[in-house]
Amino acid sequence: MSDDEPEFQVNDRRSFEDFVGLGVMNSTQDAATIAFFRQRLRHAGVIEELFELFDEHLRAQGYEARGG
């Protein structure tokens, strides 16, 4: 998902808004904020670990992340 896509999806779909835990009155982070946050995660060396933990959580729930 590109940096622009989360903001678009949250503003476009109520189901995506629910998925990320936002309500109607919450603001959505813009692409620059998302890119900055990802850069900080990479710099801290934790982004791969976070994705591994996320994949483990999905598998425990019976889901599998795939490329798309």
PDB file of N, CA and C in Angstrom:
ATOM      1  N   MET A   1       0.851  -1.166   0.000  1.00  0.00           N
ATOM      2  CA  MET A   1       0.000   0.000   0.000  1.00  0.00           C
ATOM      3  C   MET A   1       0.904   1.239   0.000  1.00  0.00           C
ATOM      4  N   SER A   2       0.617   2.140  -0.874  1.00  0.00           N
ATOM      5  CA  SER A   2       1.400   3.375  -0.943  1.00  0.00           C
ATOM      6  C   SER A   2       1.102   4.260   0.263  1.00  0.00           C
ATOM      7  N   ASP A   3       1.918   5.274   0.459  1.00  0.00           N
ATOM      8  CA  ASP A   3       1.704   6.201   1.579  1.00  0.00           C
ATOM      9  C   ASP A   3       0.400   6.977   1.432  1.00  0.00           C
ATOM     10  N   ASP A   4      -0.034   7.216   0.198  1.00  0.00           N
ATOM     11  CA  ASP A   4      -1.272   7.959  -0.047  1.00  0.00           C
ATOM     12  C   ASP A   4      -2.522   7.113   0.182  1.00  0.00           C
ATOM     13  N   GLU A   5      -2.384   5.814   0.025  1.00  0.00           N
ATOM     14  CA  GLU A   5      -3.547   4.934   0.031  1.00  0.00           C
ATOM     15  C   GLU A   5      -4.309   4.879   1.360  1.00  0.00           C
ATOM     16  N   PRO A   6      -3.657   4.791   2.528  1.00  0.00           N
ATOM     17  CA  PRO A   6      -4.436   4.721   3.777  1.00  0.00           C
ATOM     18  C   PRO A   6      -5.384   5.911   3.959  1.00  0.00           C
ATOM     19  N   GLU A   7      -4.887   7.106   3.699  1.00  0.00           N
ATOM     20  CA  GLU A   7      -5.738   8.287   3.849  1.00  0.00           C
ATOM     21  C   GLU A   7      -6.939   8.207   2.908  1.00  0.00           C
ATOM     22  N   PHE A   8      -6.697   7.824   1.659  1.00  0.00           N
ATOM     23  CA  PHE A   8      -7.778   7.700   0.697  1.00  0.00           C
ATOM     24  C   PHE A   8      -8.791   6.653   1.150  1.00  0.00           C
ATOM     25  N   GLN A   9      -8.308   5.472   1.554  1.00  0.00           N
ATOM     26  CA  GLN A   9      -9.207   4.390   1.937  1.00  0.00           C
ATOM     27  C   GLN A   9     -10.042   4.748   3.166  1.00  0.00           C
ATOM     28  N   VAL A  10      -9.432   5.368   4.168  1.00  0.00           N
ATOM     29  CA  VAL A  10     -10.182   5.758   5.367  1.00  0.00           C
ATOM     30  C   VAL A  10     -11.261   6.769   5.018  1.00  0.00           C
ATOM     31  N   ASN A  11     -10.936   7.694   4.142  1.00  0.00           N
ATOM     32  CA  ASN A  11     -11.920   8.706   3.747  1.00  0.00           C
ATOM     33  C   ASN A  11     -12.975   8.143   2.800  1.00  0.00           C
ATOM     34  N   ASP A  12     -12.656   7.066   2.097  1.00  0.00           N
ATOM     35  CA  ASP A  12     -13.552   6.513   1.092  1.00  0.00           C
ATOM     36  C   ASP A  12     -14.452   5.395   1.615  1.00  0.00           C
ATOM     37  N   ARG A  13     -13.981   4.624   2.590  1.00  0.00           N
ATOM     38  CA  ARG A  13     -14.715   3.428   3.023  1.00  0.00           C
ATOM     39  C   ARG A  13     -14.889   3.384   4.534  1.00  0.00           C
ATOM     40  N   ARG A  14     -16.103   3.239   4.962  1.00  0.00           N
ATOM     41  CA  ARG A  14     -16.412   3.105   6.398  1.00  0.00           C
ATOM     42  C   ARG A  14     -15.787   1.836   6.962  1.00  0.00           C
ATOM     43  N   SER A  15     -15.755   0.755   6.177  1.00  0.00           N
ATOM     44  CA  SER A  15     -15.182  -0.501   6.656  1.00  0.00           C
ATOM     45  C   SER A  15     -13.693  -0.358   6.945  1.00  0.00           C
ATOM     46  N   PHE A  16     -12.983   0.416   6.136  1.00  0.00           N
ATOM     47  CA  PHE A  16     -11.552   0.637   6.376  1.00  0.00           C
ATOM     48  C   PHE A  16     -11.360   1.516   7.604  1.00  0.00           C
ATOM     49  N   GLU A  17     -12.222   2.488   7.760  1.00  0.00           N
ATOM     50  CA  GLU A  17     -12.186   3.344   8.948  1.00  0.00           C
ATOM     51  C   GLU A  17     -12.353   2.500  10.208  1.00  0.00           C
ATOM     52  N   ASP A  18     -13.292   1.568  10.183  1.00  0.00           N
ATOM     53  CA  ASP A  18     -13.490   0.653  11.317  1.00  0.00           C
ATOM     54  C   ASP A  18     -12.273  -0.234  11.520  1.00  0.00           C
ATOM     55  N   PHE A  19     -11.694  -0.736  10.402  1.00  0.00           N
ATOM     56  CA  PHE A  19     -10.539  -1.630  10.481  1.00  0.00           C
ATOM     57  C   PHE A  19      -9.366  -0.972  11.208  1.00  0.00           C
ATOM     58  N   VAL A  20      -9.112   0.286  10.932  1.00  0.00           N
ATOM     59  CA  VAL A  20      -7.981   0.961  11.573  1.00  0.00           C
ATOM     60  C   VAL A  20      -8.362   1.608  12.901  1.00  0.00           C
ATOM     61  N   GLY A  21      -9.618   1.449  13.313  1.00  0.00           N
ATOM     62  CA  GLY A  21     -10.034   1.904  14.630  1.00  0.00           C
ATOM     63  C   GLY A  21     -10.318   3.391  14.743  1.00  0.00           C
ATOM     64  N   LEU A  22     -10.699   4.010  13.634  1.00  0.00           N
ATOM     65  CA  LEU A  22     -11.033   5.431  13.660  1.00  0.00           C
ATOM     66  C   LEU A  22     -12.540   5.609  13.628  1.00  0.00           C
ATOM     67  N   GLY A  23     -12.997   6.675  14.233  1.00  0.00           N
ATOM     68  CA  GLY A  23     -14.403   7.027  14.173  1.00  0.00           C
ATOM     69  C   GLY A  23     -14.601   8.174  13.212  1.00  0.00           C
ATOM     70  N   VAL A  24     -15.837   8.534  13.026  1.00  0.00           N
ATOM     71  CA  VAL A  24     -16.183   9.603  12.087  1.00  0.00           C
ATOM     72  C   VAL A  24     -15.500  10.923  12.460  1.00  0.00           C
ATOM     73  N   MET A  25     -15.335  11.165  13.737  1.00  0.00           N
ATOM     74  CA  MET A  25     -14.784  12.446  14.186  1.00  0.00           C
ATOM     75  C   MET A  25     -13.252  12.455  14.264  1.00  0.00           C
ATOM     76  N   ASN A  26     -12.600  11.313  13.997  1.00  0.00           N
ATOM     77  CA  ASN A  26     -11.140  11.252  14.039  1.00  0.00           C
ATOM     78  C   ASN A  26     -10.550  11.713  12.719  1.00  0.00           C
ATOM     79  N   SER A  27      -9.384  12.335  12.800  1.00  0.00           N
ATOM     80  CA  SER A  27      -8.697  12.736  11.578  1.00  0.00           C
ATOM     81  C   SER A  27      -7.769  11.610  11.125  1.00  0.00           C
ATOM     82  N   THR A  28      -7.489  11.583   9.851  1.00  0.00           N
ATOM     83  CA  THR A  28      -6.633  10.575   9.242  1.00  0.00           C
ATOM     84  C   THR A  28      -5.255  11.163   9.016  1.00  0.00           C
ATOM     85  N   GLN A  29      -4.230  10.359   9.239  1.00  0.00           N
ATOM     86  CA  GLN A  29      -2.865  10.825   8.982  1.00  0.00           C
ATOM     87  C   GLN A  29      -2.640  10.942   7.479  1.00  0.00           C
ATOM     88  N   ASP A  30      -1.899  11.948   7.069  1.00  0.00           N
ATOM     89  CA  ASP A  30      -1.625  12.126   5.647  1.00  0.00           C
ATOM     90  C   ASP A  30      -0.404  11.304   5.234  1.00  0.00           C
ATOM     91  N   ALA A  31      -0.133  11.275   3.932  1.00  0.00           N
ATOM     92  CA  ALA A  31       0.948  10.461   3.380  1.00  0.00           C
ATOM     93  C   ALA A  31       2.308  10.854   3.952  1.00  0.00           C
ATOM     94  N   ALA A  32       2.554  12.136   4.165  1.00  0.00           N
ATOM     95  CA  ALA A  32       3.845  12.576   4.699  1.00  0.00           C
ATOM     96  C   ALA A  32       4.069  12.048   6.116  1.00  0.00           C
ATOM     97  N   THR A  33       3.032  12.044   6.929  1.00  0.00           N
ATOM     98  CA  THR A  33       3.139  11.537   8.298  1.00  0.00           C
ATOM     99  C   THR A  33       3.404  10.038   8.296  1.00  0.00           C
ATOM    100  N   ILE A  34       2.715   9.311   7.429  1.00  0.00           N
ATOM    101  CA  ILE A  34       2.909   7.867   7.333  1.00  0.00           C
ATOM    102  C   ILE A  34       4.328   7.551   6.871  1.00  0.00           C
ATOM    103  N   ALA A  35       4.817   8.266   5.863  1.00  0.00           N
ATOM    104  CA  ALA A  35       6.177   8.046   5.360  1.00  0.00           C
ATOM    105  C   ALA A  35       7.213   8.356   6.446  1.00  0.00           C
ATOM    106  N   PHE A  36       7.017   9.436   7.176  1.00  0.00           N
ATOM    107  CA  PHE A  36       7.935   9.816   8.247  1.00  0.00           C
ATOM    108  C   PHE A  36       7.971   8.742   9.341  1.00  0.00           C
ATOM    109  N   PHE A  37       6.806   8.231   9.713  1.00  0.00           N
ATOM    110  CA  PHE A  37       6.726   7.204  10.751  1.00  0.00           C
ATOM    111  C   PHE A  37       7.433   5.925  10.295  1.00  0.00           C
ATOM    112  N   ARG A  38       7.202   5.506   9.044  1.00  0.00           N
ATOM    113  CA  ARG A  38       7.867   4.312   8.524  1.00  0.00           C
ATOM    114  C   ARG A  38       9.382   4.504   8.497  1.00  0.00           C
ATOM    115  N   GLN A  39       9.820   5.682   8.113  1.00  0.00           N
ATOM    116  CA  GLN A  39      11.262   5.991   8.093  1.00  0.00           C
ATOM    117  C   GLN A  39      11.860   5.863   9.487  1.00  0.00           C
ATOM    118  N   ARG A  40      11.147   6.349  10.484  1.00  0.00           N
ATOM    119  CA  ARG A  40      11.636   6.236  11.866  1.00  0.00           C
ATOM    120  C   ARG A  40      11.693   4.786  12.321  1.00  0.00           C
ATOM    121  N   LEU A  41      10.695   3.990  11.936  1.00  0.00           N
ATOM    122  CA  LEU A  41      10.713   2.560  12.271  1.00  0.00           C
ATOM    123  C   LEU A  41      11.903   1.864  11.629  1.00  0.00           C
ATOM    124  N   ARG A  42      12.172   2.178  10.364  1.00  0.00           N
ATOM    125  CA  ARG A  42      13.329   1.591   9.674  1.00  0.00           C
ATOM    126  C   ARG A  42      14.627   2.008  10.354  1.00  0.00           C
ATOM    127  N   HIS A  43      14.738   3.288  10.648  1.00  0.00           N
ATOM    128  CA  HIS A  43      15.950   3.811  11.287  1.00  0.00           C
ATOM    129  C   HIS A  43      16.188   3.144  12.638  1.00  0.00           C
ATOM    130  N   ALA A  44      15.121   2.848  13.361  1.00  0.00           N
ATOM    131  CA  ALA A  44      15.233   2.189  14.662  1.00  0.00           C
ATOM    132  C   ALA A  44      15.489   0.686  14.519  1.00  0.00           C
ATOM    133  N   GLY A  45      15.365   0.166  13.289  1.00  0.00           N
ATOM    134  CA  GLY A  45      15.624  -1.244  13.043  1.00  0.00           C
ATOM    135  C   GLY A  45      14.538  -2.175  13.532  1.00  0.00           C
ATOM    136  N   VAL A  46      13.305  -1.696  13.611  1.00  0.00           N
ATOM    137  CA  VAL A  46      12.230  -2.531  14.152  1.00  0.00           C
ATOM    138  C   VAL A  46      11.123  -2.853  13.150  1.00  0.00           C
ATOM    139  N   ILE A  47      11.191  -2.310  11.953  1.00  0.00           N
ATOM    140  CA  ILE A  47      10.083  -2.499  11.022  1.00  0.00           C
ATOM    141  C   ILE A  47       9.906  -3.963  10.628  1.00  0.00           C
ATOM    142  N   GLU A  48      10.993  -4.675  10.371  1.00  0.00           N
ATOM    143  CA  GLU A  48      10.886  -6.091  10.002  1.00  0.00           C
ATOM    144  C   GLU A  48      10.308  -6.908  11.147  1.00  0.00           C
ATOM    145  N   GLU A  49      10.734  -6.620  12.357  1.00  0.00           N
ATOM    146  CA  GLU A  49      10.207  -7.323  13.523  1.00  0.00           C
ATOM    147  C   GLU A  49       8.707  -7.077  13.683  1.00  0.00           C
ATOM    148  N   LEU A  50       8.269  -5.854  13.456  1.00  0.00           N
ATOM    149  CA  LEU A  50       6.841  -5.545  13.549  1.00  0.00           C
ATOM    150  C   LEU A  50       6.031  -6.322  12.517  1.00  0.00           C
ATOM    151  N   PHE A  51       6.545  -6.403  11.282  1.00  0.00           N
ATOM    152  CA  PHE A  51       5.844  -7.158  10.251  1.00  0.00           C
ATOM    153  C   PHE A  51       5.808  -8.644  10.587  1.00  0.00           C
ATOM    154  N   GLU A  52       6.882  -9.177  11.154  1.00  0.00           N
ATOM    155  CA  GLU A  52       6.890 -10.576  11.562  1.00  0.00           C
ATOM    156  C   GLU A  52       5.848 -10.830  12.657  1.00  0.00           C
ATOM    157  N   LEU A  53       5.768  -9.931  13.634  1.00  0.00           N
ATOM    158  CA  LEU A  53       4.768 -10.065  14.692  1.00  0.00           C
ATOM    159  C   LEU A  53       3.349  -9.986  14.131  1.00  0.00           C
ATOM    160  N   PHE A  54       3.152  -9.087  13.189  1.00  0.00           N
ATOM    161  CA  PHE A  54       1.845  -8.952  12.555  1.00  0.00           C
ATOM    162  C   PHE A  54       1.474 -10.230  11.799  1.00  0.00           C
ATOM    163  N   ASP A  55       2.431 -10.786  11.044  1.00  0.00           N
ATOM    164  CA  ASP A  55       2.181 -12.038  10.332  1.00  0.00           C
ATOM    165  C   ASP A  55       1.847 -13.168  11.297  1.00  0.00           C
ATOM    166  N   GLU A  56       2.555 -13.255  12.417  1.00  0.00           N
ATOM    167  CA  GLU A  56       2.273 -14.277  13.430  1.00  0.00           C
ATOM    168  C   GLU A  56       0.849 -14.118  13.966  1.00  0.00           C
ATOM    169  N   HIS A  57       0.458 -12.891  14.228  1.00  0.00           N
ATOM    170  CA  HIS A  57      -0.893 -12.627  14.730  1.00  0.00           C
ATOM    171  C   HIS A  57      -1.945 -13.063  13.699  1.00  0.00           C
ATOM    172  N   LEU A  58      -1.721 -12.723  12.438  1.00  0.00           N
ATOM    173  CA  LEU A  58      -2.658 -13.125  11.397  1.00  0.00           C
ATOM    174  C   LEU A  58      -2.772 -14.642  11.317  1.00  0.00           C
ATOM    175  N   ARG A  59      -1.631 -15.333  11.326  1.00  0.00           N
ATOM    176  CA  ARG A  59      -1.645 -16.800  11.256  1.00  0.00           C
ATOM    177  C   ARG A  59      -2.392 -17.400  12.440  1.00  0.00           C
ATOM    178  N   ALA A  60      -2.214 -16.816  13.626  1.00  0.00           N
ATOM    179  CA  ALA A  60      -2.905 -17.318  14.815  1.00  0.00           C
ATOM    180  C   ALA A  60      -4.417 -17.149  14.683  1.00  0.00           C
ATOM    181  N   GLN A  61      -4.849 -16.191  13.871  1.00  0.00           N
ATOM    182  CA  GLN A  61      -6.276 -15.953  13.646  1.00  0.00           C
ATOM    183  C   GLN A  61      -6.795 -16.720  12.429  1.00  0.00           C
ATOM    184  N   GLY A  62      -5.909 -17.490  11.792  1.00  0.00           N
ATOM    185  CA  GLY A  62      -6.303 -18.270  10.624  1.00  0.00           C
ATOM    186  C   GLY A  62      -6.211 -17.539   9.312  1.00  0.00           C
ATOM    187  N   TYR A  63      -5.446 -16.443   9.259  1.00  0.00           N
ATOM    188  CA  TYR A  63      -5.289 -15.666   8.039  1.00  0.00           C
ATOM    189  C   TYR A  63      -3.842 -15.751   7.551  1.00  0.00           C
ATOM    190  N   GLU A  64      -3.652 -15.397   6.297  1.00  0.00           N
ATOM    191  CA  GLU A  64      -2.317 -15.361   5.723  1.00  0.00           C
ATOM    192  C   GLU A  64      -2.182 -14.112   4.860  1.00  0.00           C
ATOM    193  N   ALA A  65      -1.143 -13.334   5.122  1.00  0.00           N
ATOM    194  CA  ALA A  65      -0.895 -12.139   4.306  1.00  0.00           C
ATOM    195  C   ALA A  65      -0.203 -12.576   3.024  1.00  0.00           C
ATOM    196  N   ARG A  66      -0.653 -12.013   1.921  1.00  0.00           N
ATOM    197  CA  ARG A  66      -0.061 -12.298   0.626  1.00  0.00           C
ATOM    198  C   ARG A  66       0.275 -10.988  -0.057  1.00  0.00           C
ATOM    199  N   GLY A  67       1.182 -11.048  -0.997  1.00  0.00           N
ATOM    200  CA  GLY A  67       1.471  -9.881  -1.816  1.00  0.00           C
ATOM    201  C   GLY A  67       0.271  -9.569  -2.690  1.00  0.00           C
ATOM    202  N   GLY A  68       0.149  -8.334  -3.103  1.00  0.00           N
ATOM    203  CA  GLY A  68      -1.024  -8.038  -3.919  1.00  0.00           C
ATOM    204  C   GLY A  68      -0.924  -6.817  -4.712  1.00  0.00           C
TER     205      GLY A  68
END
